[in-house]
PDB file of N, CA and C in Angstrom:
ATOM      1  N   UNK A   1      60.569 -27.807-119.461  1.00  0.00           N
ATOM      2  CA  UNK A   1      59.307 -27.289-119.869  1.00  0.00           C
ATOM      3  C   UNK A   1      58.631 -28.627-120.793  1.00  0.00           C
ATOM      4  N   UNK A   2      57.198 -28.499-120.488  1.00  0.00           N
ATOM      5  CA  UNK A   2      56.593 -29.705-121.026  1.00  0.00           C
ATOM      6  C   UNK A   2      56.254 -29.389-122.206  1.00  0.00           C
ATOM      7  N   UNK A   3      55.954 -30.774-123.248  1.00  0.00           N
ATOM      8  CA  UNK A   3      55.153 -30.282-124.680  1.00  0.00           C
ATOM      9  C   UNK A   3      53.875 -29.879-124.681  1.00  0.00           C
ATOM     10  N   UNK A   4      53.521 -29.001-125.345  1.00  0.00           N
ATOM     11  CA  UNK A   4      52.060 -28.512-125.222  1.00  0.00           C
ATOM     12  C   UNK A   4      51.156 -29.662-126.229  1.00  0.00           C
ATOM     13  N   UNK A   5      49.997 -29.521-126.132  1.00  0.00           N
ATOM     14  CA  UNK A   5      49.183 -30.854-126.487  1.00  0.00           C
ATOM     15  C   UNK A   5      48.331 -29.764-127.699  1.00  0.00           C
ATOM     16  N   UNK A   6      48.509 -30.408-129.196  1.00  0.00           N
ATOM     17  CA  UNK A   6      47.708 -29.750-129.919  1.00  0.00           C
ATOM     18  C   UNK A   6      46.575 -30.655-130.896  1.00  0.00           C
ATOM     19  N   UNK A   7      45.275 -29.831-131.119  1.00  0.00           N
ATOM     20  CA  UNK A   7      44.669 -31.185-132.127  1.00  0.00           C
ATOM     21  C   UNK A   7      45.340 -31.393-133.493  1.00  0.00           C
ATOM     22  N   UNK A   8      45.009 -32.613-133.346  1.00  0.00           N
ATOM     23  CA  UNK A   8      45.162 -33.246-134.770  1.00  0.00           C
ATOM     24  C   UNK A   8      44.441 -33.101-135.570  1.00  0.00           C
ATOM     25  N   UNK A   9      44.990 -34.045-136.819  1.00  0.00           N
ATOM     26  CA  UNK A   9      43.910 -34.320-137.954  1.00  0.00           C
ATOM     27  C   UNK A   9      42.670 -34.310-137.794  1.00  0.00           C
ATOM     28  N   UNK A  10      42.689 -35.919-137.023  1.00  0.00           N
ATOM     29  CA  UNK A  10      41.058 -36.182-137.114  1.00  0.00           C
ATOM     30  C   UNK A  10      40.568 -35.793-136.048  1.00  0.00           C
ATOM     31  N   UNK A  11      41.085 -35.108-134.559  1.00  0.00           N
ATOM     32  CA  UNK A  11      40.047 -34.338-134.040  1.00  0.00           C
ATOM     33  C   UNK A  11      39.540 -32.905-135.176  1.00  0.00           C
ATOM     34  N   UNK A  12      40.441 -32.144-135.727  1.00  0.00           N
ATOM     35  CA  UNK A  12      40.066 -31.215-136.588  1.00  0.00           C
ATOM     36  C   UNK A  12      38.641 -31.829-137.323  1.00  0.00           C
ATOM     37  N   UNK A  13      39.197 -32.626-138.124  1.00  0.00           N
ATOM     38  CA  UNK A  13      38.229 -33.318-139.048  1.00  0.00           C
ATOM     39  C   UNK A  13      36.950 -33.415-138.657  1.00  0.00           C
ATOM     40  N   UNK A  14      36.814 -33.758-137.003  1.00  0.00           N
ATOM     41  CA  UNK A  14      35.195 -34.405-136.402  1.00  0.00           C
ATOM     42  C   UNK A  14      34.560 -33.374-136.228  1.00  0.00           C
ATOM     43  N   UNK A  15      35.556 -32.166-135.611  1.00  0.00           N
ATOM     44  CA  UNK A  15      35.467 -30.969-134.678  1.00  0.00           C
ATOM     45  C   UNK A  15      34.824 -30.245-136.323  1.00  0.00           C
ATOM     46  N   UNK A  16      35.138 -29.973-137.456  1.00  0.00           N
ATOM     47  CA  UNK A  16      34.299 -29.190-138.627  1.00  0.00           C
ATOM     48  C   UNK A  16      33.162 -30.118-139.238  1.00  0.00           C
ATOM     49  N   UNK A  17      33.475 -31.427-139.169  1.00  0.00           N
ATOM     50  CA  UNK A  17      31.752 -32.515-139.132  1.00  0.00           C
ATOM     51  C   UNK A  17      30.912 -31.820-138.154  1.00  0.00           C
ATOM     52  N   UNK A  18      31.078 -31.715-137.080  1.00  0.00           N
ATOM     53  CA  UNK A  18      30.226 -31.438-135.968  1.00  0.00           C
ATOM     54  C   UNK A  18      29.800 -30.033-136.103  1.00  0.00           C
ATOM     55  N   UNK A  19      30.421 -29.070-136.255  1.00  0.00           N
ATOM     56  CA  UNK A  19      30.308 -27.323-136.467  1.00  0.00           C
ATOM     57  C   UNK A  19      29.272 -27.332-137.456  1.00  0.00           C
ATOM     58  N   UNK A  20      29.256 -28.452-139.105  1.00  0.00           N
ATOM     59  CA  UNK A  20      28.459 -28.217-139.921  1.00  0.00           C
ATOM     60  C   UNK A  20      27.390 -29.209-139.573  1.00  0.00           C
ATOM     61  N   UNK A  21      26.897 -30.051-138.844  1.00  0.00           N
ATOM     62  CA  UNK A  21      25.962 -30.317-138.448  1.00  0.00           C
ATOM     63  C   UNK A  21      24.946 -30.173-137.965  1.00  0.00           C
ATOM     64  N   UNK A  22      23.888 -29.673-138.497  1.00  0.00           N
ATOM     65  CA  UNK A  22      22.694 -29.178-138.045  1.00  0.00           C
ATOM     66  C   UNK A  22      22.126 -29.888-136.741  1.00  0.00           C
ATOM     67  N   UNK A  23      21.892 -30.971-135.843  1.00  0.00           N
ATOM     68  CA  UNK A  23      21.631 -32.286-135.537  1.00  0.00           C
ATOM     69  C   UNK A  23      22.514 -32.153-134.315  1.00  0.00           C
ATOM     70  N   UNK A  24      23.568 -31.441-134.650  1.00  0.00           N
ATOM     71  CA  UNK A  24      24.802 -32.209-133.422  1.00  0.00           C
ATOM     72  C   UNK A  24      24.382 -31.096-131.857  1.00  0.00           C
ATOM     73  N   UNK A  25      24.418 -31.733-131.183  1.00  0.00           N
ATOM     74  CA  UNK A  25      24.643 -30.880-129.774  1.00  0.00           C
ATOM     75  C   UNK A  25      25.011 -29.540-129.256  1.00  0.00           C
ATOM     76  N   UNK A  26      24.715 -28.626-128.160  1.00  0.00           N
ATOM     77  CA  UNK A  26      24.990 -27.718-128.033  1.00  0.00           C
ATOM     78  C   UNK A  26      26.126 -28.289-127.374  1.00  0.00           C
ATOM     79  N   UNK A  27      26.448 -29.448-126.676  1.00  0.00           N
ATOM     80  CA  UNK A  27      27.941 -29.688-125.698  1.00  0.00           C
ATOM     81  C   UNK A  27      28.964 -29.785-127.001  1.00  0.00           C
ATOM     82  N   UNK A  28      28.364 -30.659-128.131  1.00  0.00           N
ATOM     83  CA  UNK A  28      29.162 -31.093-129.349  1.00  0.00           C
ATOM     84  C   UNK A  28      29.865 -30.045-129.685  1.00  0.00           C
ATOM     85  N   UNK A  29      29.279 -28.961-130.296  1.00  0.00           N
ATOM     86  CA  UNK A  29      29.184 -27.780-130.817  1.00  0.00           C
ATOM     87  C   UNK A  29      30.540 -26.570-129.942  1.00  0.00           C
ATOM     88  N   UNK A  30      30.344 -26.933-128.471  1.00  0.00           N
ATOM     89  CA  UNK A  30      31.033 -26.704-128.126  1.00  0.00           C
ATOM     90  C   UNK A  30      32.356 -26.863-128.183  1.00  0.00           C
ATOM     91  N   UNK A  31      32.302 -28.127-127.828  1.00  0.00           N
ATOM     92  CA  UNK A  31      33.495 -28.729-127.828  1.00  0.00           C
ATOM     93  C   UNK A  31      34.381 -28.274-129.176  1.00  0.00           C
ATOM     94  N   UNK A  32      33.687 -28.737-130.222  1.00  0.00           N
ATOM     95  CA  UNK A  32      34.845 -29.050-131.461  1.00  0.00           C
ATOM     96  C   UNK A  32      35.230 -27.145-132.020  1.00  0.00           C
ATOM     97  N   UNK A  33      34.239 -26.142-130.997  1.00  0.00           N
ATOM     98  CA  UNK A  33      34.844 -24.997-131.135  1.00  0.00           C
ATOM     99  C   UNK A  33      36.187 -24.738-130.933  1.00  0.00           C
ATOM    100  N   UNK A  34      36.370 -25.488-129.326  1.00  0.00           N
ATOM    101  CA  UNK A  34      37.375 -25.458-128.401  1.00  0.00           C
ATOM    102  C   UNK A  34      38.192 -26.100-128.686  1.00  0.00           C
ATOM    103  N   UNK A  35      38.265 -27.710-129.548  1.00  0.00           N
ATOM    104  CA  UNK A  35      39.137 -28.080-130.438  1.00  0.00           C
ATOM    105  C   UNK A  35      40.265 -27.754-131.707  1.00  0.00           C
ATOM    106  N   UNK A  36      38.972 -26.728-132.528  1.00  0.00           N
ATOM    107  CA  UNK A  36      39.827 -26.074-133.722  1.00  0.00           C
ATOM    108  C   UNK A  36      40.335 -24.927-133.179  1.00  0.00           C
ATOM    109  N   UNK A  37      39.892 -24.104-131.886  1.00  0.00           N
ATOM    110  CA  UNK A  37      40.383 -22.998-131.486  1.00  0.00           C
ATOM    111  C   UNK A  37      42.225 -23.346-131.347  1.00  0.00           C
ATOM    112  N   UNK A  38      42.338 -24.428-131.034  1.00  0.00           N
ATOM    113  CA  UNK A  38      43.887 -25.081-130.313  1.00  0.00           C
ATOM    114  C   UNK A  38      44.434 -25.681-131.376  1.00  0.00           C
ATOM    115  N   UNK A  39      43.959 -25.789-132.490  1.00  0.00           N
ATOM    116  CA  UNK A  39      44.640 -26.545-133.898  1.00  0.00           C
ATOM    117  C   UNK A  39      45.272 -25.217-133.707  1.00  0.00           C
ATOM    118  N   UNK A  40      46.964 -26.137-133.979  1.00  0.00           N
ATOM    119  CA  UNK A  40      48.088 -25.707-134.504  1.00  0.00           C
ATOM    120  C   UNK A  40      48.559 -24.573-133.580  1.00  0.00           C
ATOM    121  N   UNK A  41      48.219 -24.115-132.381  1.00  0.00           N
ATOM    122  CA  UNK A  41      48.575 -23.320-131.479  1.00  0.00           C
ATOM    123  C   UNK A  41      48.780 -23.714-130.336  1.00  0.00           C
ATOM    124  N   UNK A  42      49.018 -23.364-129.143  1.00  0.00           N
ATOM    125  CA  UNK A  42      49.493 -23.664-127.778  1.00  0.00           C
ATOM    126  C   UNK A  42      48.223 -23.293-126.766  1.00  0.00           C
ATOM    127  N   UNK A  43      47.648 -22.820-127.192  1.00  0.00           N
ATOM    128  CA  UNK A  43      46.036 -22.476-126.397  1.00  0.00           C
ATOM    129  C   UNK A  43      45.624 -23.762-125.673  1.00  0.00           C
ATOM    130  N   UNK A  44      45.699 -23.418-124.489  1.00  0.00           N
ATOM    131  CA  UNK A  44      44.699 -24.390-123.615  1.00  0.00           C
ATOM    132  C   UNK A  44      43.351 -24.098-123.017  1.00  0.00           C
ATOM    133  N   UNK A  45      42.612 -25.347-122.826  1.00  0.00           N
ATOM    134  CA  UNK A  45      41.519 -25.636-122.277  1.00  0.00           C
ATOM    135  C   UNK A  45      41.218 -24.844-121.681  1.00  0.00           C
ATOM    136  N   UNK A  46      39.893 -24.170-121.060  1.00  0.00           N
ATOM    137  CA  UNK A  46      39.785 -23.212-120.125  1.00  0.00           C
ATOM    138  C   UNK A  46      39.103 -24.020-119.093  1.00  0.00           C
ATOM    139  N   UNK A  47      39.127 -24.293-117.776  1.00  0.00           N
ATOM    140  CA  UNK A  47      37.962 -24.427-116.670  1.00  0.00           C
ATOM    141  C   UNK A  47      37.109 -25.321-117.017  1.00  0.00           C
ATOM    142  N   UNK A  48      36.071 -24.275-117.567  1.00  0.00           N
ATOM    143  CA  UNK A  48      34.739 -24.603-118.276  1.00  0.00           C
ATOM    144  C   UNK A  48      35.066 -25.562-118.929  1.00  0.00           C
ATOM    145  N   UNK A  49      35.482 -25.364-119.751  1.00  0.00           N
ATOM    146  CA  UNK A  49      35.465 -26.083-121.335  1.00  0.00           C
ATOM    147  C   UNK A  49      35.591 -27.652-120.660  1.00  0.00           C
ATOM    148  N   UNK A  50      36.537 -27.743-119.968  1.00  0.00           N
ATOM    149  CA  UNK A  50      37.135 -29.109-119.416  1.00  0.00           C
ATOM    150  C   UNK A  50      36.533 -29.891-118.182  1.00  0.00           C
ATOM    151  N   UNK A  51      35.610 -28.860-118.231  1.00  0.00           N
ATOM    152  CA  UNK A  51      34.471 -29.406-117.039  1.00  0.00           C
ATOM    153  C   UNK A  51      33.349 -29.805-118.014  1.00  0.00           C
ATOM    154  N   UNK A  52      32.843 -29.415-119.020  1.00  0.00           N
ATOM    155  CA  UNK A  52      31.952 -29.599-119.888  1.00  0.00           C
ATOM    156  C   UNK A  52      31.935 -30.860-120.793  1.00  0.00           C
ATOM    157  N   UNK A  53      33.760 -30.735-120.752  1.00  0.00           N
ATOM    158  CA  UNK A  53      34.153 -32.051-121.512  1.00  0.00           C
ATOM    159  C   UNK A  53      34.229 -33.541-120.870  1.00  0.00           C
ATOM    160  N   UNK A  54      34.679 -33.189-119.037  1.00  0.00           N
ATOM    161  CA  UNK A  54      34.472 -34.741-118.407  1.00  0.00           C
ATOM    162  C   UNK A  54      33.179 -34.519-118.394  1.00  0.00           C
ATOM    163  N   UNK A  55      32.185 -34.023-118.039  1.00  0.00           N
ATOM    164  CA  UNK A  55      30.445 -34.429-118.198  1.00  0.00           C
ATOM    165  C   UNK A  55      30.479 -35.067-119.314  1.00  0.00           C
ATOM    166  N   UNK A  56      30.493 -34.919-120.357  1.00  0.00           N
ATOM    167  CA  UNK A  56      30.417 -35.470-121.903  1.00  0.00           C
ATOM    168  C   UNK A  56      30.834 -37.175-121.823  1.00  0.00           C
ATOM    169  N   UNK A  57      32.366 -36.889-121.345  1.00  0.00           N
ATOM    170  CA  UNK A  57      32.665 -38.429-121.147  1.00  0.00           C
ATOM    171  C   UNK A  57      32.078 -39.163-119.621  1.00  0.00           C
ATOM    172  N   UNK A  58      31.718 -39.082-119.350  1.00  0.00           N
ATOM    173  CA  UNK A  58      30.966 -39.475-118.136  1.00  0.00           C
ATOM    174  C   UNK A  58      29.362 -40.049-118.446  1.00  0.00           C
ATOM    175  N   UNK A  59      28.717 -39.013-119.086  1.00  0.00           N
ATOM    176  CA  UNK A  59      27.707 -39.653-120.210  1.00  0.00           C
ATOM    177  C   UNK A  59      27.608 -40.306-120.602  1.00  0.00           C
ATOM    178  N   UNK A  60      26.885 -41.631-120.571  1.00  0.00           N
ATOM    179  CA  UNK A  60      26.859 -42.257-121.473  1.00  0.00           C
ATOM    180  C   UNK A  60      25.983 -42.816-122.630  1.00  0.00           C
ATOM    181  N   UNK A  61      25.252 -41.560-122.585  1.00  0.00           N
ATOM    182  CA  UNK A  61      24.778 -41.346-123.896  1.00  0.00           C
ATOM    183  C   UNK A  61      25.809 -40.433-125.050  1.00  0.00           C
ATOM    184  N   UNK A  62      26.949 -39.932-124.530  1.00  0.00           N
ATOM    185  CA  UNK A  62      27.590 -39.172-125.928  1.00  0.00           C
ATOM    186  C   UNK A  62      27.703 -40.169-126.679  1.00  0.00           C
ATOM    187  N   UNK A  63      27.565 -39.329-128.097  1.00  0.00           N
ATOM    188  CA  UNK A  63      27.975 -39.938-129.568  1.00  0.00           C
ATOM    189  C   UNK A  63      30.007 -39.950-129.209  1.00  0.00           C
ATOM    190  N   UNK A  64      30.230 -41.201-130.090  1.00  0.00           N
ATOM    191  CA  UNK A  64      31.650 -40.952-130.405  1.00  0.00           C
ATOM    192  C   UNK A  64      32.775 -40.218-131.145  1.00  0.00           C
ATOM    193  N   UNK A  65      31.882 -39.006-131.442  1.00  0.00           N
ATOM    194  CA  UNK A  65      32.563 -37.944-132.004  1.00  0.00           C
ATOM    195  C   UNK A  65      32.708 -37.380-130.928  1.00  0.00           C
ATOM    196  N   UNK A  66      31.704 -36.766-130.005  1.00  0.00           N
ATOM    197  CA  UNK A  66      32.159 -35.893-129.110  1.00  0.00           C
ATOM    198  C   UNK A  66      32.780 -36.812-127.859  1.00  0.00           C
ATOM    199  N   UNK A  67      32.619 -38.021-127.549  1.00  0.00           N
ATOM    200  CA  UNK A  67      33.641 -38.394-126.794  1.00  0.00           C
ATOM    201  C   UNK A  67      35.480 -38.195-127.243  1.00  0.00           C
ATOM    202  N   UNK A  68      35.375 -37.691-128.791  1.00  0.00           N
ATOM    203  CA  UNK A  68      36.555 -37.783-129.339  1.00  0.00           C
ATOM    204  C   UNK A  68      37.454 -36.505-129.327  1.00  0.00           C
ATOM    205  N   UNK A  69      36.301 -35.463-128.938  1.00  0.00           N
ATOM    206  CA  UNK A  69      36.534 -33.847-129.342  1.00  0.00           C
ATOM    207  C   UNK A  69      36.572 -33.935-127.000  1.00  0.00           C
ATOM    208  N   UNK A  70      36.056 -34.454-126.762  1.00  0.00           N
ATOM    209  CA  UNK A  70      36.165 -34.176-124.709  1.00  0.00           C
ATOM    210  C   UNK A  70      37.650 -34.743-124.413  1.00  0.00           C
ATOM    211  N   UNK A  71      37.945 -36.024-125.319  1.00  0.00           N
ATOM    212  CA  UNK A  71      39.485 -36.173-125.039  1.00  0.00           C
ATOM    213  C   UNK A  71      40.302 -35.191-125.279  1.00  0.00           C
ATOM    214  N   UNK A  72      40.368 -34.658-126.548  1.00  0.00           N
ATOM    215  CA  UNK A  72      40.901 -33.840-126.954  1.00  0.00           C
ATOM    216  C   UNK A  72      41.040 -33.148-126.066  1.00  0.00           C
ATOM    217  N   UNK A  73      40.116 -32.162-125.785  1.00  0.00           N
ATOM    218  CA  UNK A  73      39.996 -30.817-124.814  1.00  0.00           C
ATOM    219  C   UNK A  73      40.803 -31.677-123.741  1.00  0.00           C
ATOM    220  N   UNK A  74      40.511 -31.909-122.867  1.00  0.00           N
ATOM    221  CA  UNK A  74      40.694 -32.736-121.673  1.00  0.00           C
ATOM    222  C   UNK A  74      42.298 -32.796-122.155  1.00  0.00           C
ATOM    223  N   UNK A  75      43.389 -33.251-123.220  1.00  0.00           N
ATOM    224  CA  UNK A  75      44.288 -33.707-122.999  1.00  0.00           C
ATOM    225  C   UNK A  75      44.932 -32.183-123.062  1.00  0.00           C
ATOM    226  N   UNK A  76      44.373 -30.947-123.550  1.00  0.00           N
ATOM    227  CA  UNK A  76      45.023 -29.591-123.436  1.00  0.00           C
ATOM    228  C   UNK A  76      44.577 -28.816-122.828  1.00  0.00           C
ATOM    229  N   UNK A  77      43.806 -29.174-121.605  1.00  0.00           N
ATOM    230  CA  UNK A  77      44.077 -28.499-120.037  1.00  0.00           C
ATOM    231  C   UNK A  77      45.370 -28.309-119.628  1.00  0.00           C
ATOM    232  N   UNK A  78      45.282 -27.365-119.053  1.00  0.00           N
ATOM    233  CA  UNK A  78      46.273 -27.107-118.095  1.00  0.00           C
ATOM    234  C   UNK A  78      46.534 -27.990-117.120  1.00  0.00           C
ATOM    235  N   UNK A  79      47.793 -28.663-116.812  1.00  0.00           N
ATOM    236  CA  UNK A  79      47.940 -29.182-115.424  1.00  0.00           C
ATOM    237  C   UNK A  79      48.109 -28.317-113.826  1.00  0.00           C
ATOM    238  N   UNK A  80      47.787 -27.452-113.927  1.00  0.00           N
ATOM    239  CA  UNK A  80      47.550 -26.721-113.310  1.00  0.00           C
ATOM    240  C   UNK A  80      46.937 -26.983-112.004  1.00  0.00           C
TER     241      UNK A  80
END
């Protein structure tokens, strides 16, 4: 059985900061919510959330904090 990934303290701090930032993008806030929901649990990212994360990583305009959140969300995606 494989080990389940969880959001770490760096990711949860970043997610919290993004959610409190009124200027953060809708994508960043969505990824932040997903990362926080997965903190301390064995929940996995949905296919839709993983797709959003992949698009964010492929977009050259994406901020560092959004990239951090996107990477975390993709790490927690089901391998199926």
